Amino acid sequence: MYCPYCHHTDSRVLDSRVADDGLSIRRRRQCPVCERRFTTIEQMQLSVVKRSGVVEPFDRAKVVAGARSACKGRPVSDADLIRLGQLVEETLRAAGSCEVPSEDVGVAILKPLSDLDPIAYLRFASVYRHWETLDDFDAEIARLRVDAAAIS
């Protein structure tokens, strides 16, 4: 780790702590040359592997944008969508893999979106799961009703 002050190529770790509910590590460091202290935060880089094989960094904003389009005209706030994006990212990181197929990102969106707004969930799922007939919608609505009755 380069010292941000004198640019020496090494530093000594003085303290390490888990941060962001286990999603990152905060390290307090000291440069052996100038003896100044600084903090680094280490976080796993999460990447998405698309169907075409292209790998790109995970972007929470894309998750929120997809959910936002499904929620258009629904009583869902921006704060709810931001929370959904955070839940999706936490779910993907909890899986422990640094490369996640785009399919898994879509699956991770479905449950929190279903909890947030069932209509938005149906909109998103109909595109994501490539429903083609009314029977597909009927089957999913019946499943949602059974789940709602079980919770009540």
N, C-alpha and C. Protein backbone atom coordinates (compact mmCIF):
# COMPACT_ATOMS: atom_id res chain seq x y z
N MET A 1 0.86 -1.17 0.00
CA MET A 1 0.00 0.00 0.00
C MET A 1 0.90 1.23 0.00
N TYR A 2 0.72 2.09 -0.99
CA TYR A 2 1.51 3.32 -1.08
C TYR A 2 1.08 4.32 0.00
N CYS A 3 2.06 5.00 0.56
CA CYS A 3 1.77 6.07 1.51
C CYS A 3 1.23 7.26 0.72
N PRO A 4 0.07 7.82 1.11
CA PRO A 4 -0.48 8.95 0.36
C PRO A 4 0.31 10.25 0.55
N TYR A 5 1.24 10.27 1.50
CA TYR A 5 2.00 11.49 1.79
C TYR A 5 3.36 11.50 1.10
N CYS A 6 4.15 10.43 1.32
CA CYS A 6 5.50 10.40 0.73
C CYS A 6 5.63 9.40 -0.42
N HIS A 7 4.59 8.64 -0.68
CA HIS A 7 4.51 7.66 -1.78
C HIS A 7 5.48 6.49 -1.62
N HIS A 8 5.89 6.24 -0.38
CA HIS A 8 6.70 5.05 -0.11
C HIS A 8 5.85 3.83 -0.44
N THR A 9 6.47 2.77 -0.93
CA THR A 9 5.72 1.61 -1.44
C THR A 9 5.24 0.64 -0.37
N ASP A 10 5.50 0.92 0.88
CA ASP A 10 5.09 -0.02 1.92
C ASP A 10 4.49 0.74 3.09
N SER A 11 3.68 0.04 3.87
CA SER A 11 3.12 0.61 5.09
C SER A 11 2.86 -0.52 6.07
N ARG A 12 2.72 -0.16 7.34
CA ARG A 12 2.49 -1.15 8.38
C ARG A 12 1.05 -1.01 8.86
N VAL A 13 0.37 -2.15 9.02
CA VAL A 13 -1.00 -2.14 9.51
C VAL A 13 -0.96 -2.07 11.03
N LEU A 14 -1.61 -1.04 11.58
CA LEU A 14 -1.67 -0.86 13.03
C LEU A 14 -2.93 -1.48 13.63
N ASP A 15 -4.03 -1.41 12.87
CA ASP A 15 -5.31 -1.88 13.38
C ASP A 15 -6.21 -2.26 12.21
N SER A 16 -6.95 -3.33 12.35
CA SER A 16 -7.93 -3.75 11.34
C SER A 16 -9.27 -3.95 12.01
N ARG A 17 -10.33 -3.44 11.38
CA ARG A 17 -11.68 -3.61 11.92
C ARG A 17 -12.65 -3.88 10.79
N VAL A 18 -13.64 -4.68 11.10
CA VAL A 18 -14.72 -4.94 10.15
C VAL A 18 -15.62 -3.72 10.13
N ALA A 19 -16.04 -3.30 8.94
CA ALA A 19 -16.91 -2.12 8.80
C ALA A 19 -18.08 -2.46 7.89
N ASP A 20 -19.06 -1.61 7.86
CA ASP A 20 -20.23 -1.77 6.98
C ASP A 20 -20.89 -3.13 7.14
N ASP A 21 -21.09 -3.55 8.38
CA ASP A 21 -21.72 -4.84 8.68
C ASP A 21 -21.03 -6.01 8.00
N GLY A 22 -19.71 -5.97 7.98
CA GLY A 22 -18.93 -7.08 7.43
C GLY A 22 -18.66 -7.00 5.95
N LEU A 23 -19.09 -5.92 5.30
CA LEU A 23 -18.90 -5.80 3.86
C LEU A 23 -17.53 -5.22 3.49
N SER A 24 -16.84 -4.64 4.46
CA SER A 24 -15.52 -4.07 4.18
C SER A 24 -14.65 -4.16 5.42
N ILE A 25 -13.35 -3.92 5.22
CA ILE A 25 -12.39 -3.92 6.31
C ILE A 25 -11.70 -2.56 6.34
N ARG A 26 -11.69 -1.95 7.51
CA ARG A 26 -11.05 -0.66 7.70
C ARG A 26 -9.69 -0.93 8.35
N ARG A 27 -8.62 -0.44 7.72
CA ARG A 27 -7.28 -0.65 8.26
C ARG A 27 -6.61 0.69 8.56
N ARG A 28 -6.05 0.80 9.73
CA ARG A 28 -5.27 1.97 10.12
C ARG A 28 -3.82 1.62 9.85
N ARG A 29 -3.12 2.45 9.07
CA ARG A 29 -1.76 2.14 8.64
C ARG A 29 -0.79 3.26 9.02
N GLN A 30 0.51 2.91 9.02
CA GLN A 30 1.55 3.90 9.28
C GLN A 30 2.69 3.66 8.31
N CYS A 31 3.17 4.75 7.74
CA CYS A 31 4.29 4.69 6.81
C CYS A 31 5.59 4.57 7.61
N PRO A 32 6.49 3.62 7.27
CA PRO A 32 7.75 3.48 8.01
C PRO A 32 8.75 4.61 7.70
N VAL A 33 8.56 5.33 6.60
CA VAL A 33 9.50 6.39 6.22
C VAL A 33 9.12 7.73 6.85
N CYS A 34 7.92 8.23 6.56
CA CYS A 34 7.50 9.54 7.10
C CYS A 34 6.75 9.42 8.41
N GLU A 35 6.40 8.19 8.81
CA GLU A 35 5.70 7.87 10.05
C GLU A 35 4.30 8.50 10.18
N ARG A 36 3.73 8.95 9.08
CA ARG A 36 2.37 9.49 9.12
C ARG A 36 1.39 8.33 9.04
N ARG A 37 0.21 8.56 9.61
CA ARG A 37 -0.82 7.52 9.64
C ARG A 37 -1.93 7.85 8.66
N PHE A 38 -2.55 6.79 8.14
CA PHE A 38 -3.68 6.95 7.22
C PHE A 38 -4.57 5.73 7.31
N THR A 39 -5.77 5.86 6.79
CA THR A 39 -6.76 4.79 6.85
C THR A 39 -7.09 4.30 5.45
N THR A 40 -7.21 3.00 5.30
CA THR A 40 -7.66 2.42 4.04
C THR A 40 -8.92 1.61 4.32
N ILE A 41 -9.75 1.48 3.31
CA ILE A 41 -10.94 0.64 3.41
C ILE A 41 -10.88 -0.35 2.26
N GLU A 42 -10.93 -1.61 2.61
CA GLU A 42 -10.87 -2.68 1.61
C GLU A 42 -12.26 -3.27 1.44
N GLN A 43 -12.67 -3.39 0.20
CA GLN A 43 -13.99 -3.93 -0.09
C GLN A 43 -13.88 -4.84 -1.30
N MET A 44 -14.61 -5.96 -1.25
CA MET A 44 -14.60 -6.89 -2.37
C MET A 44 -15.25 -6.23 -3.59
N GLN A 45 -14.57 -6.30 -4.72
CA GLN A 45 -15.12 -5.76 -5.96
C GLN A 45 -16.11 -6.79 -6.51
N LEU A 46 -17.35 -6.38 -6.62
CA LEU A 46 -18.40 -7.26 -7.12
C LEU A 46 -18.58 -7.02 -8.61
N SER A 47 -18.50 -8.07 -9.41
CA SER A 47 -18.62 -7.97 -10.86
C SER A 47 -19.81 -8.79 -11.35
N VAL A 48 -20.41 -8.33 -12.43
CA VAL A 48 -21.55 -9.03 -13.03
C VAL A 48 -21.10 -9.61 -14.37
N VAL A 49 -21.38 -10.90 -14.55
CA VAL A 49 -21.06 -11.57 -15.81
C VAL A 49 -22.34 -11.64 -16.63
N LYS A 50 -22.36 -10.93 -17.74
CA LYS A 50 -23.55 -10.91 -18.59
C LYS A 50 -23.62 -12.17 -19.44
N ARG A 51 -24.79 -12.41 -20.04
CA ARG A 51 -24.97 -13.61 -20.88
C ARG A 51 -23.97 -13.67 -22.03
N SER A 52 -23.56 -12.50 -22.52
CA SER A 52 -22.61 -12.46 -23.64
C SER A 52 -21.19 -12.79 -23.18
N GLY A 53 -20.97 -12.89 -21.88
CA GLY A 53 -19.64 -13.17 -21.35
C GLY A 53 -18.91 -11.92 -20.90
N VAL A 54 -19.46 -10.75 -21.20
CA VAL A 54 -18.84 -9.49 -20.79
C VAL A 54 -18.94 -9.35 -19.27
N VAL A 55 -17.85 -8.94 -18.65
CA VAL A 55 -17.82 -8.73 -17.20
C VAL A 55 -17.74 -7.24 -16.94
N GLU A 56 -18.62 -6.75 -16.06
CA GLU A 56 -18.60 -5.33 -15.71
C GLU A 56 -18.83 -5.19 -14.21
N PRO A 57 -18.37 -4.09 -13.62
CA PRO A 57 -18.58 -3.90 -12.18
C PRO A 57 -20.06 -3.81 -11.85
N PHE A 58 -20.43 -4.35 -10.68
CA PHE A 58 -21.81 -4.25 -10.22
C PHE A 58 -22.14 -2.78 -10.02
N ASP A 59 -23.33 -2.39 -10.47
CA ASP A 59 -23.78 -1.00 -10.34
C ASP A 59 -25.15 -1.00 -9.69
N ARG A 60 -25.20 -0.58 -8.43
CA ARG A 60 -26.46 -0.55 -7.70
C ARG A 60 -27.47 0.36 -8.39
N ALA A 61 -27.00 1.41 -9.05
CA ALA A 61 -27.90 2.34 -9.75
C ALA A 61 -28.68 1.63 -10.85
N LYS A 62 -28.08 0.63 -11.49
CA LYS A 62 -28.80 -0.13 -12.53
C LYS A 62 -29.92 -0.96 -11.92
N VAL A 63 -29.68 -1.52 -10.75
CA VAL A 63 -30.71 -2.28 -10.04
C VAL A 63 -31.88 -1.37 -9.70
N VAL A 64 -31.55 -0.20 -9.16
CA VAL A 64 -32.58 0.77 -8.77
C VAL A 64 -33.35 1.24 -10.01
N ALA A 65 -32.65 1.48 -11.11
CA ALA A 65 -33.31 1.94 -12.34
C ALA A 65 -34.28 0.87 -12.87
N GLY A 66 -33.88 -0.39 -12.83
CA GLY A 66 -34.76 -1.46 -13.28
C GLY A 66 -35.99 -1.59 -12.40
N ALA A 67 -35.78 -1.50 -11.11
CA ALA A 67 -36.91 -1.57 -10.19
C ALA A 67 -37.80 -0.34 -10.33
N ARG A 68 -37.18 0.82 -10.56
CA ARG A 68 -37.95 2.06 -10.72
C ARG A 68 -38.89 1.97 -11.93
N SER A 69 -38.42 1.38 -13.02
CA SER A 69 -39.29 1.26 -14.20
C SER A 69 -40.46 0.31 -13.93
N ALA A 70 -40.22 -0.73 -13.12
CA ALA A 70 -41.31 -1.64 -12.76
C ALA A 70 -42.30 -0.96 -11.81
N CYS A 71 -41.81 0.01 -11.04
CA CYS A 71 -42.64 0.70 -10.04
C CYS A 71 -43.29 1.97 -10.58
N LYS A 72 -43.13 2.23 -11.85
CA LYS A 72 -43.68 3.46 -12.43
C LYS A 72 -45.19 3.53 -12.18
N GLY A 73 -45.62 4.65 -11.58
CA GLY A 73 -47.03 4.84 -11.29
C GLY A 73 -47.51 4.16 -10.02
N ARG A 74 -46.61 3.53 -9.31
CA ARG A 74 -46.94 2.82 -8.07
C ARG A 74 -46.51 3.68 -6.87
N PRO A 75 -47.12 3.47 -5.70
CA PRO A 75 -46.78 4.28 -4.52
C PRO A 75 -45.49 3.79 -3.85
N VAL A 76 -44.38 3.92 -4.56
CA VAL A 76 -43.08 3.49 -4.06
C VAL A 76 -42.15 4.69 -4.07
N SER A 77 -41.52 4.97 -2.94
CA SER A 77 -40.65 6.14 -2.84
C SER A 77 -39.23 5.82 -3.31
N ASP A 78 -38.47 6.88 -3.57
CA ASP A 78 -37.06 6.71 -3.94
C ASP A 78 -36.28 6.04 -2.80
N ALA A 79 -36.63 6.38 -1.57
CA ALA A 79 -35.96 5.76 -0.42
C ALA A 79 -36.20 4.24 -0.41
N ASP A 80 -37.41 3.82 -0.77
CA ASP A 80 -37.72 2.38 -0.84
C ASP A 80 -36.86 1.71 -1.92
N LEU A 81 -36.70 2.38 -3.05
CA LEU A 81 -35.91 1.81 -4.14
C LEU A 81 -34.43 1.75 -3.78
N ILE A 82 -33.95 2.76 -3.09
CA ILE A 82 -32.55 2.75 -2.66
C ILE A 82 -32.31 1.62 -1.67
N ARG A 83 -33.25 1.42 -0.76
CA ARG A 83 -33.16 0.31 0.19
C ARG A 83 -33.18 -1.03 -0.55
N LEU A 84 -34.02 -1.15 -1.58
CA LEU A 84 -34.07 -2.37 -2.38
C LEU A 84 -32.72 -2.62 -3.03
N GLY A 85 -32.11 -1.58 -3.61
CA GLY A 85 -30.79 -1.73 -4.23
C GLY A 85 -29.75 -2.20 -3.24
N GLN A 86 -29.81 -1.68 -2.02
CA GLN A 86 -28.87 -2.08 -0.99
C GLN A 86 -29.09 -3.54 -0.59
N LEU A 87 -30.36 -3.94 -0.46
CA LEU A 87 -30.66 -5.35 -0.13
C LEU A 87 -30.14 -6.30 -1.20
N VAL A 88 -30.33 -5.91 -2.45
CA VAL A 88 -29.86 -6.76 -3.56
C VAL A 88 -28.34 -6.90 -3.50
N GLU A 89 -27.65 -5.78 -3.30
CA GLU A 89 -26.19 -5.83 -3.24
C GLU A 89 -25.73 -6.67 -2.05
N GLU A 90 -26.35 -6.51 -0.90
CA GLU A 90 -25.98 -7.30 0.28
C GLU A 90 -26.22 -8.79 0.05
N THR A 91 -27.32 -9.12 -0.63
CA THR A 91 -27.61 -10.52 -0.94
C THR A 91 -26.54 -11.12 -1.85
N LEU A 92 -26.14 -10.36 -2.85
CA LEU A 92 -25.13 -10.85 -3.79
C LEU A 92 -23.77 -10.99 -3.12
N ARG A 93 -23.42 -10.02 -2.28
CA ARG A 93 -22.14 -10.09 -1.56
C ARG A 93 -22.13 -11.25 -0.56
N ALA A 94 -23.27 -11.52 0.07
CA ALA A 94 -23.36 -12.60 1.04
C ALA A 94 -23.14 -13.97 0.40
N ALA A 95 -23.38 -14.06 -0.90
CA ALA A 95 -23.14 -15.32 -1.60
C ALA A 95 -21.66 -15.67 -1.62
N GLY A 96 -20.79 -14.67 -1.45
CA GLY A 96 -19.37 -14.92 -1.32
C GLY A 96 -18.57 -14.96 -2.61
N SER A 97 -19.21 -14.81 -3.73
CA SER A 97 -18.50 -14.84 -5.00
C SER A 97 -18.28 -13.42 -5.49
N CYS A 98 -17.12 -13.16 -6.07
CA CYS A 98 -16.85 -11.80 -6.56
C CYS A 98 -17.39 -11.61 -7.98
N GLU A 99 -17.69 -12.70 -8.68
CA GLU A 99 -18.31 -12.60 -10.00
C GLU A 99 -19.67 -13.28 -9.95
N VAL A 100 -20.70 -12.50 -10.31
CA VAL A 100 -22.08 -12.97 -10.20
C VAL A 100 -22.72 -12.95 -11.59
N PRO A 101 -23.36 -14.03 -12.00
CA PRO A 101 -24.07 -14.00 -13.28
C PRO A 101 -25.23 -13.00 -13.23
N SER A 102 -25.51 -12.35 -14.36
CA SER A 102 -26.58 -11.35 -14.40
C SER A 102 -27.92 -11.99 -14.02
N GLU A 103 -28.07 -13.26 -14.29
CA GLU A 103 -29.28 -14.00 -13.91
C GLU A 103 -29.50 -13.95 -12.40
N ASP A 104 -28.41 -14.08 -11.63
CA ASP A 104 -28.50 -14.04 -10.17
C ASP A 104 -28.90 -12.65 -9.67
N VAL A 105 -28.50 -11.61 -10.39
CA VAL A 105 -28.89 -10.26 -10.01
C VAL A 105 -30.41 -10.12 -10.14
N GLY A 106 -30.96 -10.61 -11.24
CA GLY A 106 -32.41 -10.56 -11.43
C GLY A 106 -33.15 -11.34 -10.37
N VAL A 107 -32.65 -12.52 -10.02
CA VAL A 107 -33.28 -13.34 -8.98
C VAL A 107 -33.23 -12.60 -7.64
N ALA A 108 -32.12 -11.93 -7.36
CA ALA A 108 -31.97 -11.21 -6.10
C ALA A 108 -32.92 -10.01 -6.01
N ILE A 109 -33.35 -9.49 -7.14
CA ILE A 109 -34.28 -8.36 -7.16
C ILE A 109 -35.71 -8.82 -6.86
N LEU A 110 -36.07 -10.02 -7.27
CA LEU A 110 -37.46 -10.48 -7.21
C LEU A 110 -38.05 -10.47 -5.80
N LYS A 111 -37.39 -11.03 -4.82
CA LYS A 111 -37.96 -11.13 -3.47
C LYS A 111 -38.18 -9.76 -2.83
N PRO A 112 -37.17 -8.88 -2.79
CA PRO A 112 -37.42 -7.57 -2.18
C PRO A 112 -38.46 -6.75 -2.93
N LEU A 113 -38.52 -6.91 -4.25
CA LEU A 113 -39.52 -6.19 -5.04
C LEU A 113 -40.92 -6.74 -4.75
N SER A 114 -41.03 -8.04 -4.56
CA SER A 114 -42.31 -8.64 -4.20
C SER A 114 -42.79 -8.12 -2.85
N ASP A 115 -41.88 -7.98 -1.91
CA ASP A 115 -42.23 -7.45 -0.59
C ASP A 115 -42.60 -5.97 -0.66
N LEU A 116 -41.96 -5.26 -1.57
CA LEU A 116 -42.19 -3.81 -1.70
C LEU A 116 -43.52 -3.49 -2.36
N ASP A 117 -43.79 -4.13 -3.52
CA ASP A 117 -45.02 -3.85 -4.25
C ASP A 117 -45.33 -5.03 -5.17
N PRO A 118 -46.43 -5.76 -4.93
CA PRO A 118 -46.73 -6.95 -5.73
C PRO A 118 -46.97 -6.64 -7.21
N ILE A 119 -47.55 -5.48 -7.50
CA ILE A 119 -47.80 -5.13 -8.92
C ILE A 119 -46.47 -4.88 -9.63
N ALA A 120 -45.58 -4.15 -8.99
CA ALA A 120 -44.26 -3.90 -9.57
C ALA A 120 -43.51 -5.22 -9.75
N TYR A 121 -43.67 -6.11 -8.77
CA TYR A 121 -43.05 -7.43 -8.87
C TYR A 121 -43.55 -8.17 -10.11
N LEU A 122 -44.87 -8.17 -10.32
CA LEU A 122 -45.43 -8.85 -11.49
C LEU A 122 -44.90 -8.24 -12.79
N ARG A 123 -44.79 -6.92 -12.83
CA ARG A 123 -44.25 -6.27 -14.02
C ARG A 123 -42.82 -6.72 -14.28
N PHE A 124 -41.99 -6.68 -13.24
CA PHE A 124 -40.58 -7.04 -13.39
C PHE A 124 -40.45 -8.52 -13.74
N ALA A 125 -41.17 -9.36 -13.01
CA ALA A 125 -41.08 -10.80 -13.23
C ALA A 125 -41.57 -11.20 -14.62
N SER A 126 -42.58 -10.50 -15.12
CA SER A 126 -43.10 -10.86 -16.45
C SER A 126 -42.05 -10.66 -17.54
N VAL A 127 -41.24 -9.64 -17.38
CA VAL A 127 -40.16 -9.40 -18.35
C VAL A 127 -38.99 -10.32 -18.06
N TYR A 128 -38.60 -10.40 -16.79
CA TYR A 128 -37.43 -11.17 -16.39
C TYR A 128 -37.59 -12.67 -16.67
N ARG A 129 -38.78 -13.18 -16.39
CA ARG A 129 -39.03 -14.61 -16.57
C ARG A 129 -39.64 -14.95 -17.93
N HIS A 130 -39.80 -13.95 -18.77
CA HIS A 130 -40.29 -14.13 -20.15
C HIS A 130 -41.65 -14.82 -20.22
N TRP A 131 -42.59 -14.31 -19.41
CA TRP A 131 -43.94 -14.86 -19.47
C TRP A 131 -44.56 -14.55 -20.82
N GLU A 132 -45.30 -15.52 -21.35
CA GLU A 132 -45.87 -15.35 -22.69
C GLU A 132 -47.39 -15.45 -22.72
N THR A 133 -47.99 -16.03 -21.69
CA THR A 133 -49.45 -16.22 -21.70
C THR A 133 -50.07 -15.68 -20.41
N LEU A 134 -51.38 -15.53 -20.45
CA LEU A 134 -52.10 -15.10 -19.26
C LEU A 134 -52.02 -16.16 -18.16
N ASP A 135 -51.88 -17.40 -18.56
CA ASP A 135 -51.76 -18.48 -17.57
C ASP A 135 -50.51 -18.30 -16.71
N ASP A 136 -49.43 -17.76 -17.31
CA ASP A 136 -48.21 -17.48 -16.54
C ASP A 136 -48.51 -16.46 -15.44
N PHE A 137 -49.25 -15.41 -15.80
CA PHE A 137 -49.63 -14.38 -14.83
C PHE A 137 -50.56 -14.99 -13.76
N ASP A 138 -51.55 -15.75 -14.20
CA ASP A 138 -52.50 -16.36 -13.26
C ASP A 138 -51.79 -17.24 -12.24
N ALA A 139 -50.86 -18.03 -12.70
CA ALA A 139 -50.14 -18.93 -11.80
C ALA A 139 -49.35 -18.14 -10.76
N GLU A 140 -48.71 -17.07 -11.20
CA GLU A 140 -47.91 -16.27 -10.27
C GLU A 140 -48.80 -15.49 -9.30
N ILE A 141 -49.93 -14.99 -9.78
CA ILE A 141 -50.87 -14.28 -8.90
C ILE A 141 -51.42 -15.25 -7.85
N ALA A 142 -51.73 -16.47 -8.26
CA ALA A 142 -52.21 -17.48 -7.31
C ALA A 142 -51.15 -17.77 -6.25
N ARG A 143 -49.89 -17.86 -6.67
CA ARG A 143 -48.80 -18.10 -5.73
C ARG A 143 -48.66 -16.92 -4.75
N LEU A 144 -48.78 -15.70 -5.25
CA LEU A 144 -48.70 -14.50 -4.40
C LEU A 144 -49.84 -14.49 -3.38
N ARG A 145 -51.03 -14.90 -3.81
CA ARG A 145 -52.17 -14.94 -2.90
C ARG A 145 -51.95 -15.98 -1.79
N VAL A 146 -51.42 -17.13 -2.14
CA VAL A 146 -51.14 -18.17 -1.16
C VAL A 146 -50.10 -17.67 -0.16
N ASP A 147 -49.06 -17.01 -0.66
CA ASP A 147 -48.01 -16.46 0.22
C ASP A 147 -48.58 -15.39 1.14
N ALA A 148 -49.46 -14.54 0.61
CA ALA A 148 -50.06 -13.47 1.42
C ALA A 148 -50.97 -14.06 2.48
N ALA A 149 -51.72 -15.13 2.15
CA ALA A 149 -52.61 -15.77 3.11
C ALA A 149 -51.79 -16.46 4.22
N ALA A 150 -50.65 -16.99 3.85
CA ALA A 150 -49.81 -17.68 4.84
C ALA A 150 -49.21 -16.68 5.84
N ILE A 151 -48.96 -15.47 5.38
CA ILE A 151 -48.39 -14.43 6.25
C ILE A 151 -49.46 -13.89 7.19
N SER A 152 -50.68 -13.78 6.70
CA SER A 152 -51.78 -13.20 7.51
C SER A 152 -52.23 -14.06 8.62
